[in-house]
Amino acid sequence: MPSAMGKDWEEVENRPWASKRNRSESGCLGQDFVKHSKAVPMRFYWNHKTKRMTGTALFTDSSEGPPGRAHGAAIAMVFDEILAYPVWRLVEEDFGVAVTAELSVSYKAALPLRNTVAFHCRVQRREGRKWWVTGELTKLDDQTVVYATGKALFISLVMGKLSRKNFLKSNL
């Protein structure tokens, strides 16, 4: 995916505070629910110029809902994760996390299992600590096929040692 996107896109680590090298410093207690999930492995790509994110998500057999299709909760989990990332990248140095205040998913088409999809998301607006973000899950090779769209409101929180500057160095 990155070769077709150009040099402005960088593969980035999802949830770096939950990685093995950062766990003790960040205060993580258990195994991170999303980062270590085998149900829907994801890859993230960040564009520093446009401040947008794209990537891929593979809906495995462990994400099944209706026969042969992804469960709506698995799709919602992906949206919660992908929509939060641009906020986390853009918050000021003193902020560490953004928590989900609202999440809305519109399901457009059944998403087949064993299918890698593309996602794209962007911050639509910001007011103080409030961030509104939108995104979509599309067929990997045909973005006109939209499986779902999502929108969310996130609230950024001051977290001291969890500030994003401590975790932007990725070791992919």
N, C-alpha and C. Protein backbone atom coordinates (compact mmCIF):
# COMPACT_ATOMS: atom_id res chain seq x y z
N MET A 1 0.81 -1.21 0.00
CA MET A 1 0.00 0.00 0.00
C MET A 1 0.85 1.27 0.00
N PRO A 2 1.93 1.39 0.78
CA PRO A 2 2.68 2.65 0.81
C PRO A 2 3.30 3.05 -0.52
N SER A 3 3.74 2.11 -1.34
CA SER A 3 4.41 2.48 -2.58
C SER A 3 3.50 3.27 -3.51
N ALA A 4 2.22 2.95 -3.53
CA ALA A 4 1.28 3.67 -4.38
C ALA A 4 0.90 5.03 -3.79
N MET A 5 1.15 5.22 -2.50
CA MET A 5 0.72 6.44 -1.83
C MET A 5 1.74 7.56 -1.92
N GLY A 6 2.98 7.28 -2.19
CA GLY A 6 3.98 8.32 -2.31
C GLY A 6 4.82 8.50 -1.05
N LYS A 7 5.82 9.35 -1.17
CA LYS A 7 6.82 9.51 -0.13
C LYS A 7 6.33 10.23 1.13
N ASP A 8 5.20 10.90 1.05
CA ASP A 8 4.70 11.64 2.21
C ASP A 8 4.04 10.75 3.26
N TRP A 9 3.84 9.48 2.94
CA TRP A 9 3.19 8.55 3.86
C TRP A 9 4.23 7.73 4.59
N GLU A 10 4.03 7.57 5.90
CA GLU A 10 4.94 6.81 6.74
C GLU A 10 4.14 5.75 7.51
N GLU A 11 4.63 4.52 7.50
CA GLU A 11 3.97 3.51 8.33
C GLU A 11 4.29 3.83 9.78
N VAL A 12 3.26 3.85 10.62
CA VAL A 12 3.42 4.22 12.02
C VAL A 12 2.85 3.12 12.91
N GLU A 13 3.33 3.11 14.13
CA GLU A 13 2.88 2.12 15.10
C GLU A 13 1.57 2.55 15.72
N ASN A 14 0.65 1.61 15.80
CA ASN A 14 -0.60 1.87 16.51
C ASN A 14 -0.38 1.63 17.99
N ARG A 15 -0.89 2.52 18.82
CA ARG A 15 -0.87 2.39 20.27
C ARG A 15 0.55 2.14 20.82
N PRO A 16 1.49 3.05 20.54
CA PRO A 16 2.87 2.82 20.98
C PRO A 16 3.03 2.73 22.49
N TRP A 17 2.13 3.33 23.26
CA TRP A 17 2.22 3.25 24.72
C TRP A 17 2.00 1.82 25.21
N ALA A 18 1.39 0.97 24.39
CA ALA A 18 1.10 -0.41 24.79
C ALA A 18 2.16 -1.40 24.30
N SER A 19 3.17 -0.89 23.60
CA SER A 19 4.20 -1.79 23.10
C SER A 19 5.07 -2.28 24.25
N LYS A 20 5.74 -3.37 24.03
CA LYS A 20 6.55 -4.00 25.08
C LYS A 20 7.57 -3.01 25.67
N ARG A 21 8.18 -2.20 24.83
CA ARG A 21 9.23 -1.29 25.31
C ARG A 21 8.69 -0.13 26.14
N ASN A 22 7.38 0.19 26.05
CA ASN A 22 6.81 1.33 26.75
C ASN A 22 5.87 0.97 27.89
N ARG A 23 5.60 -0.31 28.10
CA ARG A 23 4.56 -0.72 29.05
C ARG A 23 4.81 -0.21 30.47
N SER A 24 6.00 -0.35 30.99
CA SER A 24 6.23 0.04 32.38
C SER A 24 6.11 1.56 32.56
N GLU A 25 6.61 2.31 31.59
CA GLU A 25 6.55 3.77 31.69
C GLU A 25 5.13 4.30 31.55
N SER A 26 4.31 3.64 30.74
CA SER A 26 2.97 4.15 30.48
C SER A 26 1.94 3.70 31.51
N GLY A 27 2.28 2.73 32.33
CA GLY A 27 1.36 2.26 33.36
C GLY A 27 0.33 1.26 32.87
N CYS A 28 0.55 0.67 31.69
CA CYS A 28 -0.37 -0.35 31.19
C CYS A 28 -0.38 -1.54 32.15
N LEU A 29 -1.55 -2.08 32.40
CA LEU A 29 -1.69 -3.18 33.35
C LEU A 29 -1.86 -4.53 32.68
N GLY A 30 -2.63 -4.60 31.65
CA GLY A 30 -2.91 -5.87 30.99
C GLY A 30 -2.42 -5.87 29.56
N GLN A 31 -2.87 -6.85 28.82
CA GLN A 31 -2.53 -6.91 27.41
C GLN A 31 -3.48 -6.00 26.65
N ASP A 32 -2.95 -5.13 25.83
CA ASP A 32 -3.77 -4.16 25.12
C ASP A 32 -4.79 -4.87 24.22
N PHE A 33 -6.04 -4.53 24.39
CA PHE A 33 -7.15 -5.18 23.71
C PHE A 33 -7.04 -5.11 22.19
N VAL A 34 -6.65 -3.97 21.65
CA VAL A 34 -6.61 -3.79 20.21
C VAL A 34 -5.25 -4.14 19.62
N LYS A 35 -4.18 -3.66 20.23
CA LYS A 35 -2.85 -3.84 19.66
C LYS A 35 -2.51 -5.31 19.46
N HIS A 36 -2.92 -6.14 20.38
CA HIS A 36 -2.55 -7.56 20.33
C HIS A 36 -3.67 -8.44 19.82
N SER A 37 -4.70 -7.85 19.26
CA SER A 37 -5.85 -8.61 18.75
C SER A 37 -5.48 -9.34 17.48
N LYS A 38 -5.85 -10.59 17.42
CA LYS A 38 -5.66 -11.38 16.20
C LYS A 38 -6.92 -11.34 15.34
N ALA A 39 -8.01 -10.80 15.88
CA ALA A 39 -9.28 -10.78 15.16
C ALA A 39 -9.24 -9.83 13.96
N VAL A 40 -8.60 -8.66 14.15
CA VAL A 40 -8.54 -7.66 13.07
C VAL A 40 -7.17 -6.97 13.10
N PRO A 41 -6.15 -7.61 12.53
CA PRO A 41 -4.85 -6.93 12.46
C PRO A 41 -4.93 -5.70 11.55
N MET A 42 -4.25 -4.63 11.98
CA MET A 42 -4.30 -3.37 11.24
C MET A 42 -2.89 -2.84 10.98
N ARG A 43 -2.76 -2.07 9.90
CA ARG A 43 -1.52 -1.33 9.59
C ARG A 43 -1.92 0.12 9.37
N PHE A 44 -1.12 1.02 9.92
CA PHE A 44 -1.42 2.45 9.89
C PHE A 44 -0.37 3.20 9.09
N TYR A 45 -0.83 4.19 8.29
CA TYR A 45 0.06 5.07 7.52
C TYR A 45 -0.38 6.50 7.76
N TRP A 46 0.57 7.35 8.14
CA TRP A 46 0.30 8.74 8.50
C TRP A 46 0.96 9.66 7.48
N ASN A 47 0.22 10.68 7.04
CA ASN A 47 0.77 11.67 6.14
C ASN A 47 1.03 12.94 6.94
N HIS A 48 2.29 13.28 7.11
CA HIS A 48 2.68 14.45 7.93
C HIS A 48 2.24 15.77 7.30
N LYS A 49 2.16 15.82 5.98
CA LYS A 49 1.76 17.06 5.31
C LYS A 49 0.27 17.31 5.39
N THR A 50 -0.52 16.30 5.06
CA THR A 50 -1.98 16.49 5.02
C THR A 50 -2.65 16.20 6.36
N LYS A 51 -1.91 15.59 7.30
CA LYS A 51 -2.43 15.23 8.63
C LYS A 51 -3.61 14.26 8.50
N ARG A 52 -3.48 13.34 7.56
CA ARG A 52 -4.50 12.31 7.36
C ARG A 52 -3.90 10.93 7.60
N MET A 53 -4.78 9.99 7.86
CA MET A 53 -4.33 8.62 8.07
C MET A 53 -5.07 7.68 7.14
N THR A 54 -4.36 6.66 6.72
CA THR A 54 -4.96 5.59 5.95
C THR A 54 -4.33 4.29 6.45
N GLY A 55 -4.82 3.19 5.96
CA GLY A 55 -4.25 1.92 6.37
C GLY A 55 -5.10 0.76 5.92
N THR A 56 -4.79 -0.39 6.50
CA THR A 56 -5.52 -1.61 6.16
C THR A 56 -5.93 -2.34 7.43
N ALA A 57 -7.01 -3.08 7.30
CA ALA A 57 -7.50 -3.94 8.38
C ALA A 57 -7.92 -5.26 7.74
N LEU A 58 -7.48 -6.36 8.34
CA LEU A 58 -7.84 -7.69 7.86
C LEU A 58 -8.86 -8.28 8.82
N PHE A 59 -10.06 -8.53 8.33
CA PHE A 59 -11.11 -9.13 9.14
C PHE A 59 -10.99 -10.65 9.05
N THR A 60 -10.45 -11.25 10.11
CA THR A 60 -10.18 -12.69 10.14
C THR A 60 -11.43 -13.46 10.58
N ASP A 61 -11.32 -14.78 10.59
CA ASP A 61 -12.43 -15.62 11.04
C ASP A 61 -12.83 -15.31 12.48
N SER A 62 -11.92 -14.78 13.28
CA SER A 62 -12.22 -14.45 14.68
C SER A 62 -13.11 -13.23 14.82
N SER A 63 -13.41 -12.55 13.72
CA SER A 63 -14.27 -11.37 13.77
C SER A 63 -15.65 -11.65 13.18
N GLU A 64 -16.01 -12.93 13.05
CA GLU A 64 -17.25 -13.30 12.37
C GLU A 64 -18.50 -12.92 13.16
N GLY A 65 -19.49 -12.43 12.44
CA GLY A 65 -20.83 -12.17 12.96
C GLY A 65 -21.78 -13.05 12.18
N PRO A 66 -22.49 -12.48 11.20
CA PRO A 66 -23.29 -13.33 10.32
C PRO A 66 -22.36 -14.28 9.54
N PRO A 67 -22.85 -15.42 9.11
CA PRO A 67 -21.98 -16.39 8.42
C PRO A 67 -21.17 -15.76 7.29
N GLY A 68 -19.85 -15.89 7.41
CA GLY A 68 -18.95 -15.40 6.37
C GLY A 68 -18.78 -13.89 6.33
N ARG A 69 -19.30 -13.18 7.32
CA ARG A 69 -19.24 -11.72 7.33
C ARG A 69 -18.69 -11.21 8.65
N ALA A 70 -18.11 -10.02 8.63
CA ALA A 70 -17.56 -9.41 9.85
C ALA A 70 -18.68 -8.98 10.78
N HIS A 71 -18.45 -9.14 12.06
CA HIS A 71 -19.39 -8.71 13.10
C HIS A 71 -19.39 -7.18 13.17
N GLY A 72 -20.55 -6.59 13.39
CA GLY A 72 -20.64 -5.14 13.51
C GLY A 72 -19.79 -4.59 14.63
N ALA A 73 -19.64 -5.34 15.72
CA ALA A 73 -18.81 -4.88 16.84
C ALA A 73 -17.34 -4.83 16.44
N ALA A 74 -16.89 -5.76 15.60
CA ALA A 74 -15.50 -5.73 15.12
C ALA A 74 -15.27 -4.50 14.25
N ILE A 75 -16.25 -4.18 13.42
CA ILE A 75 -16.15 -2.99 12.57
C ILE A 75 -16.15 -1.73 13.43
N ALA A 76 -17.00 -1.69 14.45
CA ALA A 76 -17.04 -0.53 15.35
C ALA A 76 -15.71 -0.38 16.11
N MET A 77 -15.11 -1.49 16.52
CA MET A 77 -13.81 -1.43 17.21
C MET A 77 -12.75 -0.83 16.30
N VAL A 78 -12.78 -1.22 15.03
CA VAL A 78 -11.82 -0.65 14.08
C VAL A 78 -12.03 0.85 13.97
N PHE A 79 -13.26 1.30 13.86
CA PHE A 79 -13.51 2.74 13.78
C PHE A 79 -13.06 3.47 15.04
N ASP A 80 -13.31 2.92 16.20
CA ASP A 80 -12.87 3.56 17.44
C ASP A 80 -11.36 3.74 17.43
N GLU A 81 -10.66 2.77 16.91
CA GLU A 81 -9.20 2.81 16.86
C GLU A 81 -8.68 3.77 15.80
N ILE A 82 -9.18 3.65 14.59
CA ILE A 82 -8.62 4.46 13.50
C ILE A 82 -9.01 5.93 13.62
N LEU A 83 -10.18 6.22 14.14
CA LEU A 83 -10.59 7.62 14.27
C LEU A 83 -9.84 8.33 15.39
N ALA A 84 -9.40 7.59 16.39
CA ALA A 84 -8.65 8.20 17.50
C ALA A 84 -7.23 8.57 17.11
N TYR A 85 -6.64 7.82 16.20
CA TYR A 85 -5.21 8.01 15.91
C TYR A 85 -4.86 9.42 15.41
N PRO A 86 -5.58 10.00 14.45
CA PRO A 86 -5.21 11.36 14.03
C PRO A 86 -5.26 12.37 15.17
N VAL A 87 -6.20 12.21 16.09
CA VAL A 87 -6.28 13.12 17.24
C VAL A 87 -5.03 12.96 18.08
N TRP A 88 -4.67 11.73 18.36
CA TRP A 88 -3.48 11.46 19.19
C TRP A 88 -2.23 12.06 18.54
N ARG A 89 -2.12 12.00 17.22
CA ARG A 89 -0.95 12.56 16.54
C ARG A 89 -0.94 14.09 16.59
N LEU A 90 -2.10 14.72 16.68
CA LEU A 90 -2.19 16.17 16.54
C LEU A 90 -2.33 16.93 17.85
N VAL A 91 -2.57 16.25 18.96
CA VAL A 91 -2.74 16.98 20.22
C VAL A 91 -1.43 17.63 20.64
N GLU A 92 -1.53 18.64 21.47
CA GLU A 92 -0.35 19.33 21.96
C GLU A 92 0.50 18.38 22.80
N GLU A 93 1.73 18.76 23.03
CA GLU A 93 2.68 17.91 23.76
C GLU A 93 2.20 17.52 25.16
N ASP A 94 1.43 18.38 25.83
CA ASP A 94 0.99 18.08 27.19
C ASP A 94 -0.11 17.03 27.27
N PHE A 95 -0.75 16.78 26.14
CA PHE A 95 -1.83 15.80 26.13
C PHE A 95 -1.29 14.43 25.76
N GLY A 96 -1.89 13.40 26.29
CA GLY A 96 -1.39 12.07 25.99
C GLY A 96 -2.40 11.20 25.29
N VAL A 97 -3.64 11.32 25.66
CA VAL A 97 -4.65 10.46 25.06
C VAL A 97 -5.88 11.27 24.73
N ALA A 98 -6.68 10.68 23.88
CA ALA A 98 -8.01 11.22 23.60
C ALA A 98 -8.98 10.07 23.84
N VAL A 99 -10.01 10.34 24.59
CA VAL A 99 -10.99 9.30 24.89
C VAL A 99 -12.23 9.51 24.02
N THR A 100 -12.88 8.43 23.71
CA THR A 100 -14.07 8.47 22.87
C THR A 100 -15.26 8.98 23.68
N ALA A 101 -15.88 10.04 23.21
CA ALA A 101 -17.09 10.55 23.84
C ALA A 101 -18.32 10.05 23.09
N GLU A 102 -18.24 10.01 21.77
CA GLU A 102 -19.32 9.50 20.93
C GLU A 102 -18.71 8.77 19.74
N LEU A 103 -19.37 7.69 19.33
CA LEU A 103 -18.95 6.94 18.14
C LEU A 103 -20.20 6.50 17.40
N SER A 104 -20.25 6.79 16.11
CA SER A 104 -21.38 6.41 15.28
C SER A 104 -20.85 5.70 14.04
N VAL A 105 -21.41 4.53 13.75
CA VAL A 105 -21.01 3.76 12.58
C VAL A 105 -22.25 3.52 11.72
N SER A 106 -22.12 3.79 10.43
CA SER A 106 -23.18 3.48 9.47
C SER A 106 -22.68 2.33 8.60
N TYR A 107 -23.39 1.21 8.66
CA TYR A 107 -23.01 0.03 7.90
C TYR A 107 -23.65 0.11 6.52
N LYS A 108 -22.83 0.06 5.49
CA LYS A 108 -23.31 0.26 4.12
C LYS A 108 -23.43 -1.05 3.34
N ALA A 109 -22.53 -2.00 3.59
CA ALA A 109 -22.53 -3.28 2.88
C ALA A 109 -21.89 -4.33 3.78
N ALA A 110 -22.34 -5.57 3.63
CA ALA A 110 -21.75 -6.66 4.42
C ALA A 110 -20.28 -6.81 4.05
N LEU A 111 -19.44 -6.95 5.07
CA LEU A 111 -18.00 -7.03 4.87
C LEU A 111 -17.57 -8.49 4.96
N PRO A 112 -17.11 -9.08 3.85
CA PRO A 112 -16.73 -10.49 3.87
C PRO A 112 -15.52 -10.76 4.76
N LEU A 113 -15.53 -11.90 5.44
CA LEU A 113 -14.37 -12.33 6.24
C LEU A 113 -13.19 -12.62 5.33
N ARG A 114 -12.00 -12.69 5.96
CA ARG A 114 -10.75 -12.97 5.24
C ARG A 114 -10.51 -11.91 4.17
N ASN A 115 -10.93 -10.72 4.47
CA ASN A 115 -10.89 -9.62 3.52
C ASN A 115 -10.09 -8.47 4.12
N THR A 116 -9.09 -8.01 3.41
CA THR A 116 -8.36 -6.83 3.82
C THR A 116 -9.02 -5.61 3.20
N VAL A 117 -9.38 -4.66 4.05
CA VAL A 117 -10.02 -3.43 3.58
C VAL A 117 -9.09 -2.25 3.81
N ALA A 118 -9.38 -1.17 3.12
CA ALA A 118 -8.65 0.08 3.33
C ALA A 118 -9.47 0.96 4.26
N PHE A 119 -8.79 1.78 5.05
CA PHE A 119 -9.49 2.80 5.82
C PHE A 119 -8.82 4.14 5.60
N HIS A 120 -9.60 5.17 5.72
CA HIS A 120 -9.14 6.55 5.53
C HIS A 120 -9.85 7.40 6.57
N CYS A 121 -9.11 8.27 7.25
CA CYS A 121 -9.78 9.14 8.23
C CYS A 121 -9.07 10.48 8.34
N ARG A 122 -9.85 11.43 8.85
CA ARG A 122 -9.36 12.80 8.95
C ARG A 122 -10.10 13.54 10.06
N VAL A 123 -9.42 14.51 10.65
CA VAL A 123 -10.06 15.39 11.62
C VAL A 123 -10.88 16.41 10.83
N GLN A 124 -12.15 16.53 11.16
CA GLN A 124 -13.02 17.49 10.49
C GLN A 124 -12.95 18.88 11.15
N ARG A 125 -12.90 18.87 12.49
CA ARG A 125 -12.79 20.16 13.19
C ARG A 125 -12.37 19.92 14.63
N ARG A 126 -11.98 21.02 15.25
CA ARG A 126 -11.57 20.98 16.65
C ARG A 126 -12.05 22.23 17.35
N GLU A 127 -12.51 22.04 18.61
CA GLU A 127 -12.87 23.16 19.48
C GLU A 127 -12.28 22.85 20.85
N GLY A 128 -11.20 23.52 21.19
CA GLY A 128 -10.54 23.25 22.47
C GLY A 128 -10.06 21.81 22.56
N ARG A 129 -10.56 21.07 23.56
CA ARG A 129 -10.17 19.67 23.73
C ARG A 129 -11.08 18.71 22.97
N LYS A 130 -12.08 19.23 22.26
CA LYS A 130 -13.01 18.39 21.50
C LYS A 130 -12.55 18.25 20.05
N TRP A 131 -12.59 17.02 19.55
CA TRP A 131 -12.14 16.70 18.19
C TRP A 131 -13.23 15.89 17.49
N TRP A 132 -13.64 16.32 16.29
CA TRP A 132 -14.59 15.58 15.48
C TRP A 132 -13.84 14.96 14.31
N VAL A 133 -13.98 13.64 14.15
CA VAL A 133 -13.21 12.88 13.16
C VAL A 133 -14.17 12.02 12.35
N THR A 134 -13.87 11.85 11.05
CA THR A 134 -14.67 10.98 10.19
C THR A 134 -13.76 10.00 9.46
N GLY A 135 -14.36 8.92 8.99
CA GLY A 135 -13.59 7.94 8.23
C GLY A 135 -14.48 6.95 7.52
N GLU A 136 -13.86 6.11 6.71
CA GLU A 136 -14.59 5.08 6.00
C GLU A 136 -13.74 3.83 5.81
N LEU A 137 -14.43 2.69 5.71
CA LEU A 137 -13.81 1.41 5.36
C LEU A 137 -14.25 1.09 3.94
N THR A 138 -13.29 0.86 3.06
CA THR A 138 -13.61 0.60 1.66
C THR A 138 -12.92 -0.67 1.19
N LYS A 139 -13.35 -1.14 0.05
CA LYS A 139 -12.67 -2.26 -0.59
C LYS A 139 -11.25 -1.80 -0.89
N LEU A 140 -10.29 -2.68 -0.69
CA LEU A 140 -8.88 -2.30 -0.83
C LEU A 140 -8.55 -1.78 -2.22
N ASP A 141 -9.04 -2.43 -3.25
CA ASP A 141 -8.69 -2.05 -4.62
C ASP A 141 -9.78 -1.27 -5.35
N ASP A 142 -10.82 -0.85 -4.62
CA ASP A 142 -11.91 -0.10 -5.24
C ASP A 142 -12.59 0.75 -4.17
N GLN A 143 -12.14 2.00 -4.00
CA GLN A 143 -12.66 2.85 -2.93
C GLN A 143 -14.10 3.29 -3.17
N THR A 144 -14.68 2.94 -4.30
CA THR A 144 -16.09 3.26 -4.50
C THR A 144 -16.99 2.25 -3.77
N VAL A 145 -16.42 1.11 -3.37
CA VAL A 145 -17.16 0.13 -2.58
C VAL A 145 -16.93 0.46 -1.11
N VAL A 146 -17.95 1.02 -0.46
CA VAL A 146 -17.83 1.46 0.93
C VAL A 146 -18.59 0.46 1.81
N TYR A 147 -17.86 -0.15 2.76
CA TYR A 147 -18.49 -1.09 3.68
C TYR A 147 -19.14 -0.37 4.86
N ALA A 148 -18.49 0.69 5.34
CA ALA A 148 -19.03 1.42 6.49
C ALA A 148 -18.38 2.80 6.57
N THR A 149 -19.10 3.73 7.17
CA THR A 149 -18.55 5.04 7.47
C THR A 149 -18.67 5.26 8.97
N GLY A 150 -17.80 6.09 9.50
CA GLY A 150 -17.85 6.34 10.93
C GLY A 150 -17.54 7.79 11.24
N LYS A 151 -18.06 8.22 12.38
CA LYS A 151 -17.72 9.55 12.87
C LYS A 151 -17.67 9.46 14.39
N ALA A 152 -16.81 10.30 14.95
CA ALA A 152 -16.62 10.25 16.40
C ALA A 152 -16.27 11.62 16.95
N LEU A 153 -16.55 11.77 18.23
CA LEU A 153 -16.12 12.92 19.01
C LEU A 153 -15.16 12.39 20.06
N PHE A 154 -13.97 12.97 20.12
CA PHE A 154 -12.96 12.61 21.12
C PHE A 154 -12.66 13.81 21.99
N ILE A 155 -12.32 13.53 23.24
CA ILE A 155 -11.91 14.56 24.19
C ILE A 155 -10.46 14.27 24.57
N SER A 156 -9.56 15.25 24.38
CA SER A 156 -8.15 15.04 24.74
C SER A 156 -7.96 15.33 26.23
N LEU A 157 -7.10 14.53 26.85
CA LEU A 157 -6.83 14.61 28.29
C LEU A 157 -5.36 14.85 28.55
N VAL A 158 -5.05 15.62 29.58
CA VAL A 158 -3.67 15.81 30.01
C VAL A 158 -3.25 14.56 30.77
N MET A 159 -2.12 13.95 30.35
CA MET A 159 -1.71 12.68 30.95
C MET A 159 -0.26 12.65 31.41
N GLY A 160 0.44 13.76 31.44
CA GLY A 160 1.81 13.78 31.94
C GLY A 160 2.73 12.84 31.19
N LYS A 161 3.14 11.75 31.86
CA LYS A 161 4.13 10.84 31.25
C LYS A 161 3.60 10.11 30.03
N LEU A 162 2.30 10.15 29.78
CA LEU A 162 1.75 9.54 28.58
C LEU A 162 1.75 10.51 27.40
N SER A 163 2.37 11.67 27.56
CA SER A 163 2.33 12.64 26.48
C SER A 163 2.87 12.01 25.20
N ARG A 164 2.30 12.37 24.09
CA ARG A 164 2.61 11.71 22.82
C ARG A 164 4.07 11.84 22.43
N LYS A 165 4.76 12.87 22.88
CA LYS A 165 6.16 13.03 22.49
C LYS A 165 7.02 11.87 22.96
N ASN A 166 6.60 11.18 24.02
CA ASN A 166 7.36 10.05 24.52
C ASN A 166 7.18 8.79 23.69
N PHE A 167 6.20 8.76 22.80
CA PHE A 167 5.88 7.52 22.12
C PHE A 167 5.87 7.62 20.60
N LEU A 168 6.29 8.74 20.04
CA LEU A 168 6.25 8.89 18.59
C LEU A 168 7.40 8.18 17.89
N LYS A 169 8.38 7.73 18.61
CA LYS A 169 9.48 7.01 17.98
C LYS A 169 9.06 5.55 17.84
N SER A 170 8.88 5.14 16.61
CA SER A 170 8.37 3.80 16.34
C SER A 170 9.50 2.86 15.94
N ASN A 171 9.40 1.64 16.37
CA ASN A 171 10.35 0.60 15.97
C ASN A 171 9.61 -0.51 15.27
N LEU A 172 9.03 -0.20 14.13
CA LEU A 172 8.26 -1.21 13.39
C LEU A 172 9.15 -2.31 12.87
